[in-house]
Amino acid sequence: MVPTKQGEAISVSGLTSTIFNNRSKFYTWASAVKRKPFSEGETLDTDTLHSQRCRVYLTIQELDGGGSINQVEKVLPAHEDPTFVVEKDEDAEEYPF
């Protein structure tokens, strides 16, 4: 869940190809979610990625007619403390990850 400027939490999803090697976005994202690099030839059960916590860097593009488009730029492992909650400083340009 990602907090918006209005203070509400929204779900964010990102798209990637299904190519799984150490040069692919899918591999990088899965490694962050699983908190480990994968060994050569190791397979991934994608069901183990569902509902897992992680941190994401988003680019948010405001649209001329209102609304916005979010793009996932980077996926990082979740914070070590599962109770960690980010509170945004209203004057800051980005969240303090």
C-alpha atoms as a PDB file:
ATOM      1  CA  MET A   1       0.000   0.000   0.000  1.00  0.00           C
ATOM      2  CA  VAL A   2       1.241   3.451  -0.912  1.00  0.00           C
ATOM      3  CA  PRO A   3      -0.014   6.635   0.752  1.00  0.00           C
ATOM      4  CA  THR A   4      -1.277   9.357  -1.592  1.00  0.00           C
ATOM      5  CA  LYS A   5      -1.120  13.127  -1.148  1.00  0.00           C
ATOM      6  CA  GLN A   6      -4.677  12.899   0.180  1.00  0.00           C
ATOM      7  CA  GLY A   7      -3.524  10.422   2.846  1.00  0.00           C
ATOM      8  CA  GLU A   8      -5.324   7.373   1.468  1.00  0.00           C
ATOM      9  CA  ALA A   9      -3.488   4.116   0.804  1.00  0.00           C
ATOM     10  CA  ILE A  10      -3.582   2.575  -2.653  1.00  0.00           C
ATOM     11  CA  SER A  11      -2.253  -0.690  -4.082  1.00  0.00           C
ATOM     12  CA  VAL A  12       0.430  -0.429  -6.741  1.00  0.00           C
ATOM     13  CA  SER A  13       1.227  -3.037  -9.368  1.00  0.00           C
ATOM     14  CA  GLY A  14       3.966  -3.177 -11.958  1.00  0.00           C
ATOM     15  CA  LEU A  15       4.391  -5.045 -15.213  1.00  0.00           C
ATOM     16  CA  THR A  16       7.441  -6.978 -16.330  1.00  0.00           C
ATOM     17  CA  SER A  17       8.239  -9.697 -18.817  1.00  0.00           C
ATOM     18  CA  THR A  18       8.406 -13.317 -17.658  1.00  0.00           C
ATOM     19  CA  ILE A  19      12.067 -13.651 -18.666  1.00  0.00           C
ATOM     20  CA  PHE A  20      13.899 -14.760 -15.528  1.00  0.00           C
ATOM     21  CA  ASN A  21      17.662 -14.255 -15.651  1.00  0.00           C
ATOM     22  CA  ASN A  22      20.097 -12.062 -13.741  1.00  0.00           C
ATOM     23  CA  ARG A  23      19.723  -9.257 -16.324  1.00  0.00           C
ATOM     24  CA  SER A  24      15.914  -9.054 -16.265  1.00  0.00           C
ATOM     25  CA  LYS A  25      13.631  -6.706 -14.357  1.00  0.00           C
ATOM     26  CA  PHE A  26      11.584  -9.698 -13.185  1.00  0.00           C
ATOM     27  CA  TYR A  27      14.689 -11.292 -11.624  1.00  0.00           C
ATOM     28  CA  THR A  28      15.651  -8.016  -9.917  1.00  0.00           C
ATOM     29  CA  TRP A  29      12.155  -7.492  -8.507  1.00  0.00           C
ATOM     30  CA  ALA A  30      11.783 -11.128  -7.363  1.00  0.00           C
ATOM     31  CA  SER A  31      15.212 -11.006  -5.687  1.00  0.00           C
ATOM     32  CA  ALA A  32      14.155  -7.887  -3.761  1.00  0.00           C
ATOM     33  CA  VAL A  33      10.846  -9.403  -2.658  1.00  0.00           C
ATOM     34  CA  LYS A  34      12.472 -12.736  -1.664  1.00  0.00           C
ATOM     35  CA  ARG A  35      15.441 -10.891  -0.063  1.00  0.00           C
ATOM     36  CA  LYS A  36      18.011 -13.026  -1.869  1.00  0.00           C
ATOM     37  CA  PRO A  37      19.703 -13.487  -5.217  1.00  0.00           C
ATOM     38  CA  PHE A  38      18.841 -16.675  -7.059  1.00  0.00           C
ATOM     39  CA  SER A  39      21.444 -19.294  -7.920  1.00  0.00           C
ATOM     40  CA  GLU A  40      22.090 -20.098 -11.576  1.00  0.00           C
ATOM     41  CA  GLY A  41      19.429 -22.548 -12.714  1.00  0.00           C
ATOM     42  CA  GLU A  42      17.257 -21.977  -9.621  1.00  0.00           C
ATOM     43  CA  THR A  43      13.562 -21.728 -10.418  1.00  0.00           C
ATOM     44  CA  LEU A  44      10.967 -19.449  -8.884  1.00  0.00           C
ATOM     45  CA  ASP A  45       7.451 -20.376  -7.813  1.00  0.00           C
ATOM     46  CA  THR A  46       5.707 -17.075  -8.574  1.00  0.00           C
ATOM     47  CA  ASP A  47       2.916 -17.930  -6.133  1.00  0.00           C
ATOM     48  CA  THR A  48       5.450 -17.234  -3.353  1.00  0.00           C
ATOM     49  CA  LEU A  49       5.616 -13.580  -4.455  1.00  0.00           C
ATOM     50  CA  HIS A  50       1.928 -12.821  -3.892  1.00  0.00           C
ATOM     51  CA  SER A  51       1.103 -10.554  -0.928  1.00  0.00           C
ATOM     52  CA  GLN A  52       4.761 -10.107   0.025  1.00  0.00           C
ATOM     53  CA  ARG A  53       5.927  -6.789   1.421  1.00  0.00           C
ATOM     54  CA  CYS A  54       8.514  -4.689  -0.408  1.00  0.00           C
ATOM     55  CA  ARG A  55       9.421  -1.062  -0.994  1.00  0.00           C
ATOM     56  CA  VAL A  56       8.988   0.628  -4.360  1.00  0.00           C
ATOM     57  CA  TYR A  57      10.213   3.836  -5.921  1.00  0.00           C
ATOM     58  CA  LEU A  58       7.515   5.339  -8.092  1.00  0.00           C
ATOM     59  CA  THR A  59       7.554   8.009 -10.748  1.00  0.00           C
ATOM     60  CA  ILE A  60       4.224   9.807 -10.583  1.00  0.00           C
ATOM     61  CA  GLN A  61       3.258  11.721 -13.702  1.00  0.00           C
ATOM     62  CA  GLU A  62       0.412  14.177 -13.252  1.00  0.00           C
ATOM     63  CA  LEU A  63      -1.966  14.243 -16.234  1.00  0.00           C
ATOM     64  CA  ASP A  64      -3.175  17.508 -17.785  1.00  0.00           C
ATOM     65  CA  GLY A  65      -6.831  16.545 -17.409  1.00  0.00           C
ATOM     66  CA  GLY A  66      -6.382  15.470 -13.781  1.00  0.00           C
ATOM     67  CA  GLY A  67      -5.321  12.180 -12.273  1.00  0.00           C
ATOM     68  CA  SER A  68      -1.891  10.616 -12.555  1.00  0.00           C
ATOM     69  CA  ILE A  69       0.076   7.669 -13.897  1.00  0.00           C
ATOM     70  CA  ASN A  70       2.387   5.752 -11.572  1.00  0.00           C
ATOM     71  CA  GLN A  71       5.414   3.855 -12.882  1.00  0.00           C
ATOM     72  CA  VAL A  72       7.461   1.469 -10.730  1.00  0.00           C
ATOM     73  CA  GLU A  73      11.114   2.520 -11.077  1.00  0.00           C
ATOM     74  CA  LYS A  74      12.727   0.241  -8.497  1.00  0.00           C
ATOM     75  CA  VAL A  75      11.732  -2.553  -6.107  1.00  0.00           C
ATOM     76  CA  LEU A  76      13.640  -2.993  -2.834  1.00  0.00           C
ATOM     77  CA  PRO A  77      13.323  -5.449   0.058  1.00  0.00           C
ATOM     78  CA  ALA A  78      10.792  -4.592   2.754  1.00  0.00           C
ATOM     79  CA  HIS A  79      12.029  -2.790   5.839  1.00  0.00           C
ATOM     80  CA  GLU A  80      13.435  -5.173   8.466  1.00  0.00           C
ATOM     81  CA  ASP A  81      10.838  -4.076  11.033  1.00  0.00           C
ATOM     82  CA  PRO A  82       7.394  -5.287   9.845  1.00  0.00           C
ATOM     83  CA  THR A  83       5.705  -2.543  11.896  1.00  0.00           C
ATOM     84  CA  PHE A  84       7.731   0.205  10.146  1.00  0.00           C
ATOM     85  CA  VAL A  85       5.463   2.925   8.753  1.00  0.00           C
ATOM     86  CA  VAL A  86       6.704   5.823   6.661  1.00  0.00           C
ATOM     87  CA  GLU A  87       5.367   9.218   7.572  1.00  0.00           C
ATOM     88  CA  LYS A  88       5.986  11.845   4.936  1.00  0.00           C
ATOM     89  CA  ASP A  89       7.237  15.281   5.830  1.00  0.00           C
ATOM     90  CA  GLU A  90       4.835  17.545   3.909  1.00  0.00           C
ATOM     91  CA  ASP A  91       7.774  19.711   2.760  1.00  0.00           C
ATOM     92  CA  ALA A  92       9.844  16.764   1.502  1.00  0.00           C
ATOM     93  CA  GLU A  93      10.021  15.816  -2.172  1.00  0.00           C
ATOM     94  CA  GLU A  94      10.123  12.067  -1.504  1.00  0.00           C
ATOM     95  CA  TYR A  95       9.524   9.514   1.215  1.00  0.00           C
ATOM     96  CA  PRO A  96      12.487   8.700   3.485  1.00  0.00           C
ATOM     97  CA  PHE A  97      13.365   5.122   2.482  1.00  0.00           C
END
